[in-house]
Amino acid sequence: MGETRLQWCKEQADEVKEIMVENYNKAVEREGKLGELELRSDDLLSKSKTFTKSTAKVSQQTRWENIKMKVVIGGVVTLLALVIIAIIIWYSVRDDPGEQTKVTPSVTPGN
């Protein structure tokens, strides 16, 4: 009976040993995966910081382009208004009723 009990204990110890070795291997494998996951998360963090900086730069560039466009459109509208005002003033000065041309009577020959 002692021998069978000893055999049973050895089998139990071998099973526990196999389970422990398997658990150790899984833990080492998880550690490798966790290390890889940590590297990926660090890479993602650096990429997100770069993305944030580039979006801020693009946003500022777009804002300046919009301001430039508004200035150009304002300049064109102002220039167009000045041209229209100049044309109106030119026509009003040219057709001034105070400066009517004098009509001289025509002289017919023989009178």
N, C-alpha and C. Protein backbone atom coordinates (compact mmCIF):
# COMPACT_ATOMS: atom_id res chain seq x y z
N MET A 1 0.80 -1.17 0.00
CA MET A 1 0.00 0.00 0.00
C MET A 1 0.87 1.26 0.00
N GLY A 2 1.98 1.29 0.64
CA GLY A 2 2.88 2.42 0.69
C GLY A 2 3.43 2.75 -0.67
N GLU A 3 3.67 1.66 -1.44
CA GLU A 3 4.24 1.88 -2.78
C GLU A 3 3.21 2.51 -3.69
N THR A 4 1.98 2.10 -3.63
CA THR A 4 0.95 2.70 -4.47
C THR A 4 0.68 4.15 -4.05
N ARG A 5 0.75 4.38 -2.74
CA ARG A 5 0.56 5.76 -2.26
C ARG A 5 1.72 6.63 -2.72
N LEU A 6 2.93 6.10 -2.70
CA LEU A 6 4.10 6.82 -3.18
C LEU A 6 3.98 7.07 -4.67
N GLN A 7 3.54 6.07 -5.41
CA GLN A 7 3.34 6.21 -6.86
C GLN A 7 2.30 7.29 -7.13
N TRP A 8 1.20 7.28 -6.36
CA TRP A 8 0.14 8.27 -6.53
C TRP A 8 0.67 9.67 -6.25
N CYS A 9 1.48 9.82 -5.22
CA CYS A 9 2.07 11.11 -4.88
C CYS A 9 3.00 11.60 -5.98
N LYS A 10 3.79 10.67 -6.57
CA LYS A 10 4.68 11.05 -7.68
C LYS A 10 3.87 11.50 -8.89
N GLU A 11 2.80 10.79 -9.18
CA GLU A 11 1.95 11.18 -10.31
C GLU A 11 1.33 12.56 -10.06
N GLN A 12 0.86 12.76 -8.85
CA GLN A 12 0.29 14.07 -8.50
C GLN A 12 1.35 15.16 -8.62
N ALA A 13 2.56 14.86 -8.15
CA ALA A 13 3.65 15.83 -8.23
C ALA A 13 4.01 16.10 -9.68
N ASP A 14 4.02 15.07 -10.52
CA ASP A 14 4.31 15.26 -11.95
C ASP A 14 3.23 16.11 -12.62
N GLU A 15 1.96 15.86 -12.26
CA GLU A 15 0.87 16.66 -12.81
C GLU A 15 1.00 18.12 -12.39
N VAL A 16 1.29 18.32 -11.13
CA VAL A 16 1.45 19.69 -10.62
C VAL A 16 2.64 20.35 -11.30
N LYS A 17 3.70 19.58 -11.51
CA LYS A 17 4.90 20.11 -12.18
C LYS A 17 4.56 20.52 -13.61
N GLU A 18 3.82 19.68 -14.32
CA GLU A 18 3.43 19.99 -15.69
C GLU A 18 2.57 21.25 -15.73
N ILE A 19 1.63 21.33 -14.78
CA ILE A 19 0.76 22.50 -14.73
C ILE A 19 1.58 23.76 -14.43
N MET A 20 2.51 23.66 -13.51
CA MET A 20 3.35 24.79 -13.15
C MET A 20 4.23 25.22 -14.33
N VAL A 21 4.81 24.25 -15.05
CA VAL A 21 5.64 24.57 -16.22
C VAL A 21 4.78 25.23 -17.29
N GLU A 22 3.58 24.71 -17.49
CA GLU A 22 2.66 25.30 -18.47
C GLU A 22 2.28 26.72 -18.07
N ASN A 23 1.98 26.91 -16.80
CA ASN A 23 1.64 28.25 -16.31
C ASN A 23 2.82 29.21 -16.45
N TYR A 24 4.01 28.71 -16.17
CA TYR A 24 5.21 29.55 -16.32
C TYR A 24 5.39 29.96 -17.79
N ASN A 25 5.24 29.00 -18.69
CA ASN A 25 5.38 29.30 -20.13
C ASN A 25 4.32 30.32 -20.58
N LYS A 26 3.10 30.16 -20.06
CA LYS A 26 2.05 31.12 -20.41
C LYS A 26 2.38 32.51 -19.86
N ALA A 27 2.93 32.54 -18.64
CA ALA A 27 3.30 33.83 -18.05
C ALA A 27 4.40 34.50 -18.86
N VAL A 28 5.38 33.73 -19.30
CA VAL A 28 6.46 34.30 -20.13
C VAL A 28 5.90 34.79 -21.45
N GLU A 29 4.99 34.02 -22.03
CA GLU A 29 4.37 34.42 -23.30
C GLU A 29 3.56 35.71 -23.11
N ARG A 30 2.79 35.80 -22.01
CA ARG A 30 2.02 37.01 -21.72
C ARG A 30 2.94 38.21 -21.52
N GLU A 31 4.06 37.97 -20.85
CA GLU A 31 5.01 39.06 -20.63
C GLU A 31 5.52 39.61 -21.96
N GLY A 32 5.79 38.72 -22.90
CA GLY A 32 6.22 39.16 -24.23
C GLY A 32 5.13 39.93 -24.94
N LYS A 33 3.89 39.44 -24.84
CA LYS A 33 2.77 40.14 -25.47
C LYS A 33 2.53 41.49 -24.81
N LEU A 34 2.66 41.54 -23.48
CA LEU A 34 2.48 42.81 -22.78
C LEU A 34 3.57 43.81 -23.16
N GLY A 35 4.79 43.32 -23.32
CA GLY A 35 5.88 44.20 -23.76
C GLY A 35 5.61 44.75 -25.15
N GLU A 36 5.13 43.88 -26.04
CA GLU A 36 4.78 44.32 -27.40
C GLU A 36 3.63 45.32 -27.36
N LEU A 37 2.65 45.06 -26.51
CA LEU A 37 1.51 45.97 -26.38
C LEU A 37 1.97 47.32 -25.84
N GLU A 38 2.90 47.32 -24.90
CA GLU A 38 3.43 48.57 -24.36
C GLU A 38 4.17 49.35 -25.44
N LEU A 39 4.94 48.67 -26.27
CA LEU A 39 5.63 49.34 -27.37
C LEU A 39 4.63 49.95 -28.35
N ARG A 40 3.59 49.20 -28.65
CA ARG A 40 2.57 49.72 -29.56
C ARG A 40 1.88 50.94 -28.98
N SER A 41 1.57 50.90 -27.69
CA SER A 41 0.89 52.04 -27.07
C SER A 41 1.80 53.26 -27.03
N ASP A 42 3.10 53.07 -26.78
CA ASP A 42 4.04 54.20 -26.82
C ASP A 42 4.11 54.78 -28.23
N ASP A 43 4.14 53.91 -29.23
CA ASP A 43 4.17 54.36 -30.62
C ASP A 43 2.90 55.13 -30.96
N LEU A 44 1.78 54.61 -30.52
CA LEU A 44 0.50 55.28 -30.76
C LEU A 44 0.45 56.64 -30.07
N LEU A 45 1.00 56.72 -28.88
CA LEU A 45 1.03 57.99 -28.16
C LEU A 45 1.87 59.02 -28.90
N SER A 46 3.03 58.61 -29.38
CA SER A 46 3.88 59.56 -30.12
C SER A 46 3.22 59.98 -31.43
N LYS A 47 2.56 59.05 -32.09
CA LYS A 47 1.86 59.40 -33.34
C LYS A 47 0.70 60.35 -33.07
N SER A 48 0.01 60.15 -31.95
CA SER A 48 -1.11 61.04 -31.64
C SER A 48 -0.61 62.45 -31.33
N LYS A 49 0.53 62.55 -30.66
CA LYS A 49 1.10 63.89 -30.39
C LYS A 49 1.49 64.56 -31.70
N THR A 50 2.10 63.81 -32.61
CA THR A 50 2.47 64.36 -33.91
C THR A 50 1.22 64.80 -34.67
N PHE A 51 0.18 63.98 -34.62
CA PHE A 51 -1.07 64.31 -35.30
C PHE A 51 -1.68 65.58 -34.73
N THR A 52 -1.66 65.72 -33.42
CA THR A 52 -2.21 66.91 -32.78
C THR A 52 -1.46 68.15 -33.23
N LYS A 53 -0.13 68.07 -33.28
CA LYS A 53 0.67 69.22 -33.72
C LYS A 53 0.37 69.55 -35.17
N SER A 54 0.27 68.53 -36.02
CA SER A 54 0.03 68.80 -37.44
C SER A 54 -1.37 69.36 -37.67
N THR A 55 -2.37 68.90 -36.91
CA THR A 55 -3.71 69.46 -37.08
C THR A 55 -3.76 70.91 -36.62
N ALA A 56 -3.03 71.24 -35.57
CA ALA A 56 -2.99 72.63 -35.12
C ALA A 56 -2.33 73.51 -36.18
N LYS A 57 -1.27 72.99 -36.79
CA LYS A 57 -0.58 73.75 -37.84
C LYS A 57 -1.48 73.94 -39.06
N VAL A 58 -2.17 72.89 -39.47
CA VAL A 58 -3.08 72.99 -40.62
C VAL A 58 -4.23 73.93 -40.30
N SER A 59 -4.74 73.89 -39.09
CA SER A 59 -5.82 74.78 -38.69
C SER A 59 -5.38 76.24 -38.76
N GLN A 60 -4.19 76.52 -38.26
CA GLN A 60 -3.67 77.89 -38.31
C GLN A 60 -3.44 78.33 -39.75
N GLN A 61 -2.92 77.43 -40.58
CA GLN A 61 -2.67 77.75 -41.99
C GLN A 61 -4.00 78.05 -42.70
N THR A 62 -5.01 77.26 -42.42
CA THR A 62 -6.32 77.47 -43.04
C THR A 62 -6.92 78.80 -42.59
N ARG A 63 -6.74 79.12 -41.30
CA ARG A 63 -7.25 80.39 -40.79
C ARG A 63 -6.60 81.56 -41.52
N TRP A 64 -5.27 81.51 -41.71
CA TRP A 64 -4.58 82.59 -42.43
C TRP A 64 -5.03 82.67 -43.88
N GLU A 65 -5.26 81.52 -44.52
CA GLU A 65 -5.74 81.53 -45.90
C GLU A 65 -7.12 82.19 -45.97
N ASN A 66 -7.98 81.92 -45.00
CA ASN A 66 -9.30 82.55 -44.98
C ASN A 66 -9.19 84.06 -44.78
N ILE A 67 -8.29 84.48 -43.90
CA ILE A 67 -8.09 85.91 -43.68
C ILE A 67 -7.58 86.57 -44.95
N LYS A 68 -6.61 85.95 -45.61
CA LYS A 68 -6.07 86.50 -46.87
C LYS A 68 -7.17 86.62 -47.91
N MET A 69 -8.02 85.59 -48.02
CA MET A 69 -9.10 85.61 -49.00
C MET A 69 -10.07 86.74 -48.71
N LYS A 70 -10.40 86.95 -47.43
CA LYS A 70 -11.31 88.04 -47.07
C LYS A 70 -10.69 89.39 -47.40
N VAL A 71 -9.39 89.55 -47.17
CA VAL A 71 -8.72 90.81 -47.49
C VAL A 71 -8.73 91.05 -49.00
N VAL A 72 -8.47 90.00 -49.78
CA VAL A 72 -8.47 90.15 -51.24
C VAL A 72 -9.87 90.50 -51.74
N ILE A 73 -10.88 89.82 -51.23
CA ILE A 73 -12.26 90.11 -51.66
C ILE A 73 -12.65 91.52 -51.24
N GLY A 74 -12.27 91.92 -50.03
CA GLY A 74 -12.55 93.29 -49.58
C GLY A 74 -11.87 94.32 -50.46
N GLY A 75 -10.63 94.05 -50.86
CA GLY A 75 -9.90 94.96 -51.74
C GLY A 75 -10.56 95.07 -53.10
N VAL A 76 -10.98 93.94 -53.64
CA VAL A 76 -11.63 93.95 -54.96
C VAL A 76 -12.95 94.71 -54.89
N VAL A 77 -13.73 94.49 -53.84
CA VAL A 77 -15.02 95.19 -53.69
C VAL A 77 -14.78 96.69 -53.53
N THR A 78 -13.78 97.06 -52.74
CA THR A 78 -13.45 98.48 -52.55
C THR A 78 -13.01 99.11 -53.87
N LEU A 79 -12.16 98.42 -54.60
CA LEU A 79 -11.70 98.93 -55.90
C LEU A 79 -12.86 99.08 -56.86
N LEU A 80 -13.74 98.10 -56.89
CA LEU A 80 -14.91 98.16 -57.77
C LEU A 80 -15.80 99.33 -57.37
N ALA A 81 -15.99 99.54 -56.07
CA ALA A 81 -16.83 100.67 -55.61
C ALA A 81 -16.18 101.99 -56.00
N LEU A 82 -14.86 102.10 -55.86
CA LEU A 82 -14.18 103.34 -56.25
C LEU A 82 -14.30 103.61 -57.75
N VAL A 83 -14.20 102.55 -58.55
CA VAL A 83 -14.34 102.72 -60.00
C VAL A 83 -15.75 103.18 -60.33
N ILE A 84 -16.76 102.61 -59.69
CA ILE A 84 -18.15 103.01 -59.96
C ILE A 84 -18.36 104.46 -59.52
N ILE A 85 -17.84 104.82 -58.35
CA ILE A 85 -17.97 106.21 -57.89
C ILE A 85 -17.26 107.17 -58.83
N ALA A 86 -16.08 106.79 -59.31
CA ALA A 86 -15.34 107.64 -60.25
C ALA A 86 -16.12 107.83 -61.55
N ILE A 87 -16.73 106.77 -62.03
CA ILE A 87 -17.52 106.87 -63.27
C ILE A 87 -18.72 107.78 -63.05
N ILE A 88 -19.39 107.64 -61.92
CA ILE A 88 -20.55 108.48 -61.63
C ILE A 88 -20.12 109.95 -61.55
N ILE A 89 -19.03 110.21 -60.84
CA ILE A 89 -18.54 111.60 -60.72
C ILE A 89 -18.15 112.14 -62.08
N TRP A 90 -17.50 111.36 -62.90
CA TRP A 90 -17.06 111.81 -64.23
C TRP A 90 -18.25 112.17 -65.10
N TYR A 91 -19.29 111.32 -65.09
CA TYR A 91 -20.48 111.62 -65.88
C TYR A 91 -21.22 112.84 -65.33
N SER A 92 -21.25 112.99 -64.02
CA SER A 92 -21.97 114.14 -63.46
C SER A 92 -21.22 115.44 -63.73
N VAL A 93 -19.92 115.45 -63.77
CA VAL A 93 -19.15 116.65 -64.08
C VAL A 93 -19.25 116.96 -65.57
N ARG A 94 -19.23 115.97 -66.38
CA ARG A 94 -19.28 116.16 -67.83
C ARG A 94 -20.64 116.71 -68.26
N ASP A 95 -21.68 116.29 -67.62
CA ASP A 95 -23.03 116.73 -67.99
C ASP A 95 -23.54 117.82 -67.05
N ASP A 96 -22.66 118.67 -66.52
CA ASP A 96 -23.04 119.72 -65.58
C ASP A 96 -23.92 120.73 -66.30
N PRO A 97 -25.13 121.02 -65.79
CA PRO A 97 -26.03 121.96 -66.47
C PRO A 97 -25.55 123.40 -66.40
N GLY A 98 -24.65 123.76 -65.52
CA GLY A 98 -24.14 125.12 -65.43
C GLY A 98 -23.23 125.47 -66.60
N GLU A 99 -22.71 124.50 -67.24
CA GLU A 99 -21.79 124.76 -68.35
C GLU A 99 -22.44 124.36 -69.67
N GLN A 100 -23.49 125.06 -70.04
CA GLN A 100 -24.14 124.76 -71.30
C GLN A 100 -23.38 125.45 -72.41
N THR A 101 -23.34 124.83 -73.49
CA THR A 101 -22.61 125.43 -74.63
C THR A 101 -23.44 126.55 -75.21
N LYS A 102 -22.75 127.62 -75.59
CA LYS A 102 -23.43 128.77 -76.15
C LYS A 102 -23.70 128.51 -77.64
N VAL A 103 -24.92 128.78 -78.00
CA VAL A 103 -25.30 128.60 -79.38
C VAL A 103 -25.21 129.98 -80.05
N THR A 104 -24.41 130.04 -81.07
CA THR A 104 -24.29 131.31 -81.79
C THR A 104 -25.22 131.24 -82.98
N PRO A 105 -25.92 132.34 -83.19
CA PRO A 105 -26.84 132.31 -84.35
C PRO A 105 -26.02 132.23 -85.62
N SER A 106 -26.55 131.47 -86.50
CA SER A 106 -25.83 131.32 -87.78
C SER A 106 -26.20 132.48 -88.68
N VAL A 107 -25.23 132.93 -89.33
CA VAL A 107 -25.42 134.07 -90.25
C VAL A 107 -25.58 133.49 -91.63
N THR A 108 -26.64 133.91 -92.26
CA THR A 108 -26.87 133.44 -93.62
C THR A 108 -26.21 134.42 -94.57
N PRO A 109 -25.64 133.98 -95.60
CA PRO A 109 -24.98 134.87 -96.52
C PRO A 109 -26.02 135.78 -97.23
N GLY A 110 -25.73 136.93 -97.38
CA GLY A 110 -26.55 137.90 -98.10
C GLY A 110 -27.35 138.76 -97.17
N ASN A 111 -27.31 138.66 -96.01
CA ASN A 111 -28.06 139.54 -95.11
C ASN A 111 -27.23 140.63 -94.62
